[in-house]
Amino acid sequence: FNLDFAVPVALLHDTIEDTATEFSEIENKFGLRVAQAVSSLTKNSELPKEEQMPDTLARIKELPSEIWAIKLADRITNLQAPPLNWNKEKKIEYHTESKTILKELREGNAFLASRLEAKIKEYESYVDS
């Protein structure tokens, strides 16, 4: 596991998606490899919503296991109590998407896959309420 690669990618993983920062800025400051990894973790907003996660997962799977681990860890962190404004359909969608992430990336890091599996089970209580 290459921490020198994984740490900057993990810290920057939502930068393109959530800020005005562009790929070229990350490339200039952190190098092409980090920028490409961050880009792989970024949803392609030009695709229809239902195609975004499959596309993201396909791009992640082309990269080293560090990137798989970052996506698993990100979902573990995000799989908390859903926002109060989410309806049942949105909760089910997020739960289903989480199971897809686990299915597609579980081979990337056994420990994180196990943690995500446990978080998915915990999240079921929100889906059922």
N, C-alpha and C. Protein backbone atom coordinates (compact mmCIF):
# COMPACT_ATOMS: atom_id res chain seq x y z
N PHE A 1 0.86 -1.18 0.00
CA PHE A 1 0.00 0.00 0.00
C PHE A 1 0.89 1.22 0.00
N ASN A 2 0.76 2.07 -0.99
CA ASN A 2 1.62 3.24 -1.15
C ASN A 2 0.96 4.47 -0.53
N LEU A 3 1.34 4.78 0.70
CA LEU A 3 0.75 5.93 1.39
C LEU A 3 1.09 7.25 0.73
N ASP A 4 2.28 7.34 0.13
CA ASP A 4 2.67 8.59 -0.54
C ASP A 4 1.73 8.91 -1.70
N PHE A 5 1.15 7.90 -2.27
CA PHE A 5 0.17 8.07 -3.34
C PHE A 5 -1.25 8.20 -2.77
N ALA A 6 -1.59 7.33 -1.83
CA ALA A 6 -2.96 7.26 -1.32
C ALA A 6 -3.38 8.48 -0.51
N VAL A 7 -2.49 9.01 0.31
CA VAL A 7 -2.88 10.12 1.19
C VAL A 7 -3.32 11.36 0.40
N PRO A 8 -2.52 11.85 -0.56
CA PRO A 8 -3.02 13.02 -1.29
C PRO A 8 -4.30 12.75 -2.07
N VAL A 9 -4.43 11.56 -2.63
CA VAL A 9 -5.66 11.22 -3.36
C VAL A 9 -6.84 11.21 -2.40
N ALA A 10 -6.67 10.61 -1.24
CA ALA A 10 -7.76 10.56 -0.25
C ALA A 10 -8.16 11.97 0.18
N LEU A 11 -7.18 12.81 0.43
CA LEU A 11 -7.49 14.17 0.87
C LEU A 11 -8.17 15.00 -0.22
N LEU A 12 -7.84 14.70 -1.47
CA LEU A 12 -8.36 15.49 -2.59
C LEU A 12 -9.55 14.84 -3.30
N HIS A 13 -10.01 13.69 -2.84
CA HIS A 13 -10.94 12.87 -3.63
C HIS A 13 -12.23 13.58 -4.03
N ASP A 14 -12.71 14.52 -3.26
CA ASP A 14 -13.95 15.24 -3.61
C ASP A 14 -13.70 16.64 -4.18
N THR A 15 -12.45 16.98 -4.38
CA THR A 15 -12.10 18.35 -4.76
C THR A 15 -12.71 18.77 -6.09
N ILE A 16 -12.57 17.94 -7.12
CA ILE A 16 -13.10 18.31 -8.44
C ILE A 16 -14.62 18.38 -8.40
N GLU A 17 -15.23 17.43 -7.71
CA GLU A 17 -16.69 17.33 -7.65
C GLU A 17 -17.33 18.45 -6.81
N ASP A 18 -16.66 18.85 -5.74
CA ASP A 18 -17.29 19.75 -4.76
C ASP A 18 -16.75 21.18 -4.75
N THR A 19 -15.75 21.46 -5.56
CA THR A 19 -15.18 22.81 -5.60
C THR A 19 -14.97 23.24 -7.04
N ALA A 20 -14.47 24.44 -7.22
CA ALA A 20 -14.18 24.94 -8.57
C ALA A 20 -12.80 24.50 -9.06
N THR A 21 -12.10 23.69 -8.28
CA THR A 21 -10.77 23.21 -8.66
C THR A 21 -10.88 22.32 -9.88
N GLU A 22 -9.95 22.51 -10.80
CA GLU A 22 -9.95 21.72 -12.03
C GLU A 22 -8.84 20.68 -12.01
N PHE A 23 -8.99 19.69 -12.87
CA PHE A 23 -8.02 18.61 -13.02
C PHE A 23 -6.61 19.17 -13.18
N SER A 24 -6.47 20.17 -14.05
CA SER A 24 -5.15 20.73 -14.35
C SER A 24 -4.48 21.31 -13.11
N GLU A 25 -5.25 21.89 -12.21
CA GLU A 25 -4.68 22.44 -10.98
C GLU A 25 -4.11 21.33 -10.10
N ILE A 26 -4.85 20.24 -9.99
CA ILE A 26 -4.37 19.12 -9.19
C ILE A 26 -3.13 18.51 -9.85
N GLU A 27 -3.18 18.38 -11.16
CA GLU A 27 -2.03 17.83 -11.89
C GLU A 27 -0.80 18.70 -11.68
N ASN A 28 -0.95 20.02 -11.77
CA ASN A 28 0.19 20.93 -11.61
C ASN A 28 0.79 20.86 -10.21
N LYS A 29 -0.04 20.67 -9.20
CA LYS A 29 0.45 20.69 -7.81
C LYS A 29 0.84 19.31 -7.28
N PHE A 30 0.19 18.25 -7.79
CA PHE A 30 0.40 16.92 -7.22
C PHE A 30 0.84 15.87 -8.23
N GLY A 31 0.86 16.22 -9.51
CA GLY A 31 1.29 15.29 -10.53
C GLY A 31 0.13 14.58 -11.22
N LEU A 32 0.43 14.03 -12.39
CA LEU A 32 -0.58 13.40 -13.22
C LEU A 32 -1.21 12.18 -12.54
N ARG A 33 -0.41 11.36 -11.89
CA ARG A 33 -0.94 10.13 -11.28
C ARG A 33 -1.99 10.44 -10.22
N VAL A 34 -1.71 11.41 -9.35
CA VAL A 34 -2.67 11.80 -8.32
C VAL A 34 -3.91 12.41 -8.97
N ALA A 35 -3.71 13.28 -9.96
CA ALA A 35 -4.85 13.93 -10.63
C ALA A 35 -5.75 12.89 -11.30
N GLN A 36 -5.16 11.91 -11.95
CA GLN A 36 -5.97 10.87 -12.60
C GLN A 36 -6.74 10.04 -11.57
N ALA A 37 -6.11 9.77 -10.44
CA ALA A 37 -6.79 9.01 -9.39
C ALA A 37 -7.96 9.81 -8.82
N VAL A 38 -7.73 11.10 -8.56
CA VAL A 38 -8.81 11.96 -8.06
C VAL A 38 -9.94 12.01 -9.08
N SER A 39 -9.58 12.13 -10.34
CA SER A 39 -10.58 12.17 -11.41
C SER A 39 -11.40 10.88 -11.46
N SER A 40 -10.76 9.75 -11.21
CA SER A 40 -11.49 8.48 -11.24
C SER A 40 -12.53 8.40 -10.13
N LEU A 41 -12.31 9.12 -9.04
CA LEU A 41 -13.23 9.13 -7.90
C LEU A 41 -14.32 10.20 -8.05
N THR A 42 -14.27 10.93 -9.15
CA THR A 42 -15.21 12.03 -9.40
C THR A 42 -16.31 11.56 -10.35
N LYS A 43 -17.56 11.79 -9.96
CA LYS A 43 -18.68 11.43 -10.83
C LYS A 43 -18.62 12.25 -12.11
N ASN A 44 -18.96 11.61 -13.21
CA ASN A 44 -19.06 12.31 -14.49
C ASN A 44 -20.47 12.88 -14.59
N SER A 45 -20.61 14.16 -14.30
CA SER A 45 -21.93 14.80 -14.25
C SER A 45 -22.57 14.94 -15.64
N GLU A 46 -21.81 14.65 -16.69
CA GLU A 46 -22.37 14.71 -18.04
C GLU A 46 -23.19 13.45 -18.36
N LEU A 47 -22.98 12.40 -17.58
CA LEU A 47 -23.74 11.16 -17.78
C LEU A 47 -25.07 11.23 -17.05
N PRO A 48 -26.06 10.47 -17.50
CA PRO A 48 -27.31 10.37 -16.72
C PRO A 48 -26.99 9.83 -15.33
N LYS A 49 -27.76 10.24 -14.35
CA LYS A 49 -27.49 9.88 -12.95
C LYS A 49 -27.32 8.37 -12.76
N GLU A 50 -28.16 7.57 -13.40
CA GLU A 50 -28.09 6.12 -13.20
C GLU A 50 -26.83 5.49 -13.77
N GLU A 51 -26.11 6.22 -14.64
CA GLU A 51 -24.86 5.71 -15.22
C GLU A 51 -23.62 6.20 -14.47
N GLN A 52 -23.78 7.18 -13.60
CA GLN A 52 -22.62 7.80 -12.96
C GLN A 52 -21.84 6.84 -12.06
N MET A 53 -22.51 6.13 -11.17
CA MET A 53 -21.78 5.23 -10.27
C MET A 53 -21.16 4.06 -11.02
N PRO A 54 -21.86 3.38 -11.93
CA PRO A 54 -21.19 2.32 -12.68
C PRO A 54 -19.95 2.82 -13.44
N ASP A 55 -20.05 4.02 -13.99
CA ASP A 55 -18.90 4.61 -14.69
C ASP A 55 -17.75 4.87 -13.72
N THR A 56 -18.06 5.46 -12.57
CA THR A 56 -17.03 5.74 -11.56
C THR A 56 -16.36 4.45 -11.11
N LEU A 57 -17.14 3.43 -10.82
CA LEU A 57 -16.57 2.16 -10.36
C LEU A 57 -15.70 1.51 -11.43
N ALA A 58 -16.12 1.60 -12.68
CA ALA A 58 -15.31 1.04 -13.77
C ALA A 58 -13.96 1.75 -13.86
N ARG A 59 -13.97 3.07 -13.70
CA ARG A 59 -12.71 3.83 -13.75
C ARG A 59 -11.83 3.51 -12.55
N ILE A 60 -12.43 3.38 -11.38
CA ILE A 60 -11.67 3.04 -10.17
C ILE A 60 -11.00 1.68 -10.34
N LYS A 61 -11.72 0.72 -10.91
CA LYS A 61 -11.21 -0.64 -11.04
C LYS A 61 -10.02 -0.74 -12.00
N GLU A 62 -9.79 0.29 -12.79
CA GLU A 62 -8.63 0.31 -13.68
C GLU A 62 -7.37 0.77 -12.95
N LEU A 63 -7.51 1.23 -11.71
CA LEU A 63 -6.40 1.82 -10.96
C LEU A 63 -5.98 0.91 -9.81
N PRO A 64 -4.85 1.24 -9.17
CA PRO A 64 -4.35 0.41 -8.06
C PRO A 64 -5.32 0.31 -6.89
N SER A 65 -5.10 -0.69 -6.06
CA SER A 65 -6.00 -0.97 -4.94
C SER A 65 -6.10 0.17 -3.94
N GLU A 66 -5.12 1.06 -3.90
CA GLU A 66 -5.23 2.23 -3.02
C GLU A 66 -6.49 3.03 -3.33
N ILE A 67 -6.82 3.14 -4.62
CA ILE A 67 -7.99 3.92 -5.03
C ILE A 67 -9.26 3.17 -4.64
N TRP A 68 -9.25 1.88 -4.77
CA TRP A 68 -10.39 1.06 -4.34
C TRP A 68 -10.63 1.30 -2.85
N ALA A 69 -9.54 1.29 -2.08
CA ALA A 69 -9.64 1.47 -0.62
C ALA A 69 -10.19 2.85 -0.27
N ILE A 70 -9.79 3.86 -1.03
CA ILE A 70 -10.28 5.22 -0.77
C ILE A 70 -11.79 5.27 -0.98
N LYS A 71 -12.27 4.66 -2.05
CA LYS A 71 -13.72 4.66 -2.31
C LYS A 71 -14.46 3.90 -1.22
N LEU A 72 -13.93 2.75 -0.80
CA LEU A 72 -14.56 2.00 0.28
C LEU A 72 -14.61 2.83 1.56
N ALA A 73 -13.49 3.47 1.91
CA ALA A 73 -13.42 4.28 3.13
C ALA A 73 -14.36 5.48 3.04
N ASP A 74 -14.45 6.08 1.87
CA ASP A 74 -15.34 7.22 1.68
C ASP A 74 -16.79 6.82 1.94
N ARG A 75 -17.19 5.67 1.42
CA ARG A 75 -18.57 5.24 1.62
C ARG A 75 -18.82 4.85 3.08
N ILE A 76 -17.83 4.24 3.73
CA ILE A 76 -17.97 3.94 5.16
C ILE A 76 -18.24 5.22 5.93
N THR A 77 -17.47 6.25 5.64
CA THR A 77 -17.62 7.53 6.32
C THR A 77 -18.97 8.18 6.03
N ASN A 78 -19.42 8.07 4.80
CA ASN A 78 -20.67 8.72 4.40
C ASN A 78 -21.93 7.94 4.78
N LEU A 79 -21.77 6.69 5.11
CA LEU A 79 -22.94 5.84 5.40
C LEU A 79 -23.37 6.01 6.85
N GLN A 80 -23.82 7.21 7.14
CA GLN A 80 -24.30 7.61 8.46
C GLN A 80 -25.81 7.79 8.37
N ALA A 81 -26.39 8.34 9.39
CA ALA A 81 -27.82 8.66 9.35
C ALA A 81 -28.08 9.57 8.15
N PRO A 82 -29.05 9.23 7.32
CA PRO A 82 -29.31 10.05 6.13
C PRO A 82 -29.87 11.42 6.52
N PRO A 83 -29.69 12.40 5.64
CA PRO A 83 -30.27 13.72 5.90
C PRO A 83 -31.79 13.61 6.11
N LEU A 84 -32.31 14.46 6.93
CA LEU A 84 -33.74 14.41 7.28
C LEU A 84 -34.65 14.61 6.07
N ASN A 85 -34.15 15.30 5.04
CA ASN A 85 -34.99 15.56 3.87
C ASN A 85 -35.00 14.40 2.86
N TRP A 86 -34.25 13.33 3.13
CA TRP A 86 -34.27 12.18 2.22
C TRP A 86 -35.54 11.37 2.44
N ASN A 87 -36.23 11.07 1.34
CA ASN A 87 -37.39 10.20 1.43
C ASN A 87 -36.94 8.74 1.38
N LYS A 88 -37.88 7.84 1.54
CA LYS A 88 -37.56 6.41 1.57
C LYS A 88 -36.87 5.96 0.28
N GLU A 89 -37.33 6.47 -0.85
CA GLU A 89 -36.74 6.11 -2.14
C GLU A 89 -35.26 6.47 -2.20
N LYS A 90 -34.90 7.66 -1.73
CA LYS A 90 -33.51 8.11 -1.73
C LYS A 90 -32.67 7.25 -0.79
N LYS A 91 -33.22 6.89 0.36
CA LYS A 91 -32.50 6.03 1.31
C LYS A 91 -32.25 4.65 0.69
N ILE A 92 -33.25 4.12 0.02
CA ILE A 92 -33.10 2.81 -0.64
C ILE A 92 -32.05 2.90 -1.74
N GLU A 93 -32.09 3.97 -2.51
CA GLU A 93 -31.12 4.17 -3.59
C GLU A 93 -29.69 4.21 -3.03
N TYR A 94 -29.49 4.93 -1.94
CA TYR A 94 -28.15 5.05 -1.35
C TYR A 94 -27.69 3.71 -0.78
N HIS A 95 -28.60 2.98 -0.18
CA HIS A 95 -28.31 1.65 0.36
C HIS A 95 -27.92 0.70 -0.77
N THR A 96 -28.68 0.72 -1.85
CA THR A 96 -28.40 -0.14 -3.00
C THR A 96 -27.06 0.22 -3.63
N GLU A 97 -26.81 1.52 -3.77
CA GLU A 97 -25.54 1.98 -4.33
C GLU A 97 -24.37 1.53 -3.44
N SER A 98 -24.55 1.58 -2.15
CA SER A 98 -23.50 1.14 -1.21
C SER A 98 -23.21 -0.34 -1.39
N LYS A 99 -24.24 -1.14 -1.58
CA LYS A 99 -24.06 -2.58 -1.80
C LYS A 99 -23.32 -2.82 -3.12
N THR A 100 -23.59 -2.00 -4.12
CA THR A 100 -22.89 -2.12 -5.41
C THR A 100 -21.41 -1.80 -5.24
N ILE A 101 -21.11 -0.74 -4.51
CA ILE A 101 -19.71 -0.38 -4.25
C ILE A 101 -19.00 -1.54 -3.57
N LEU A 102 -19.62 -2.12 -2.56
CA LEU A 102 -19.03 -3.25 -1.85
C LEU A 102 -18.79 -4.42 -2.80
N LYS A 103 -19.79 -4.75 -3.58
CA LYS A 103 -19.68 -5.89 -4.51
C LYS A 103 -18.53 -5.68 -5.50
N GLU A 104 -18.43 -4.48 -6.04
CA GLU A 104 -17.44 -4.21 -7.09
C GLU A 104 -16.02 -4.03 -6.55
N LEU A 105 -15.88 -3.52 -5.32
CA LEU A 105 -14.55 -3.14 -4.83
C LEU A 105 -14.07 -3.95 -3.63
N ARG A 106 -14.82 -4.92 -3.18
CA ARG A 106 -14.47 -5.65 -1.95
C ARG A 106 -13.09 -6.29 -2.02
N GLU A 107 -12.63 -6.67 -3.21
CA GLU A 107 -11.32 -7.31 -3.35
C GLU A 107 -10.17 -6.32 -3.15
N GLY A 108 -10.47 -5.04 -3.15
CA GLY A 108 -9.42 -4.03 -3.00
C GLY A 108 -8.84 -3.93 -1.61
N ASN A 109 -9.64 -4.24 -0.59
CA ASN A 109 -9.16 -4.15 0.79
C ASN A 109 -10.13 -4.92 1.68
N ALA A 110 -9.70 -6.07 2.16
CA ALA A 110 -10.59 -6.94 2.93
C ALA A 110 -11.10 -6.28 4.21
N PHE A 111 -10.22 -5.56 4.91
CA PHE A 111 -10.63 -4.91 6.16
C PHE A 111 -11.71 -3.87 5.89
N LEU A 112 -11.48 -2.99 4.91
CA LEU A 112 -12.46 -1.95 4.60
C LEU A 112 -13.75 -2.55 4.05
N ALA A 113 -13.64 -3.61 3.28
CA ALA A 113 -14.84 -4.28 2.78
C ALA A 113 -15.69 -4.81 3.94
N SER A 114 -15.03 -5.38 4.92
CA SER A 114 -15.74 -5.88 6.10
C SER A 114 -16.42 -4.75 6.86
N ARG A 115 -15.73 -3.64 7.01
CA ARG A 115 -16.30 -2.47 7.69
C ARG A 115 -17.50 -1.92 6.92
N LEU A 116 -17.36 -1.84 5.59
CA LEU A 116 -18.48 -1.34 4.79
C LEU A 116 -19.66 -2.29 4.88
N GLU A 117 -19.41 -3.57 4.86
CA GLU A 117 -20.49 -4.54 4.97
C GLU A 117 -21.26 -4.33 6.28
N ALA A 118 -20.55 -4.09 7.37
CA ALA A 118 -21.19 -3.84 8.66
C ALA A 118 -21.99 -2.54 8.63
N LYS A 119 -21.44 -1.49 8.01
CA LYS A 119 -22.14 -0.20 7.92
C LYS A 119 -23.41 -0.34 7.08
N ILE A 120 -23.35 -1.13 6.03
CA ILE A 120 -24.53 -1.35 5.19
C ILE A 120 -25.64 -2.02 6.01
N LYS A 121 -25.26 -2.98 6.82
CA LYS A 121 -26.26 -3.65 7.68
C LYS A 121 -26.86 -2.66 8.67
N GLU A 122 -26.03 -1.80 9.26
CA GLU A 122 -26.53 -0.78 10.19
C GLU A 122 -27.49 0.18 9.48
N TYR A 123 -27.16 0.53 8.25
CA TYR A 123 -27.94 1.51 7.48
C TYR A 123 -29.34 0.98 7.17
N GLU A 124 -29.50 -0.33 7.15
CA GLU A 124 -30.80 -0.92 6.86
C GLU A 124 -31.89 -0.42 7.81
N SER A 125 -31.51 -0.08 9.03
CA SER A 125 -32.51 0.44 9.98
C SER A 125 -33.09 1.77 9.51
N TYR A 126 -32.31 2.56 8.77
CA TYR A 126 -32.82 3.83 8.23
C TYR A 126 -33.73 3.58 7.04
N VAL A 127 -33.40 2.57 6.25
CA VAL A 127 -34.22 2.23 5.08
C VAL A 127 -35.58 1.71 5.53
N ASP A 128 -35.58 0.95 6.61
CA ASP A 128 -36.82 0.34 7.10
C ASP A 128 -37.70 1.31 7.89
N SER A 129 -37.16 2.47 8.23
CA SER A 129 -37.96 3.41 9.05
C SER A 129 -38.71 4.42 8.21
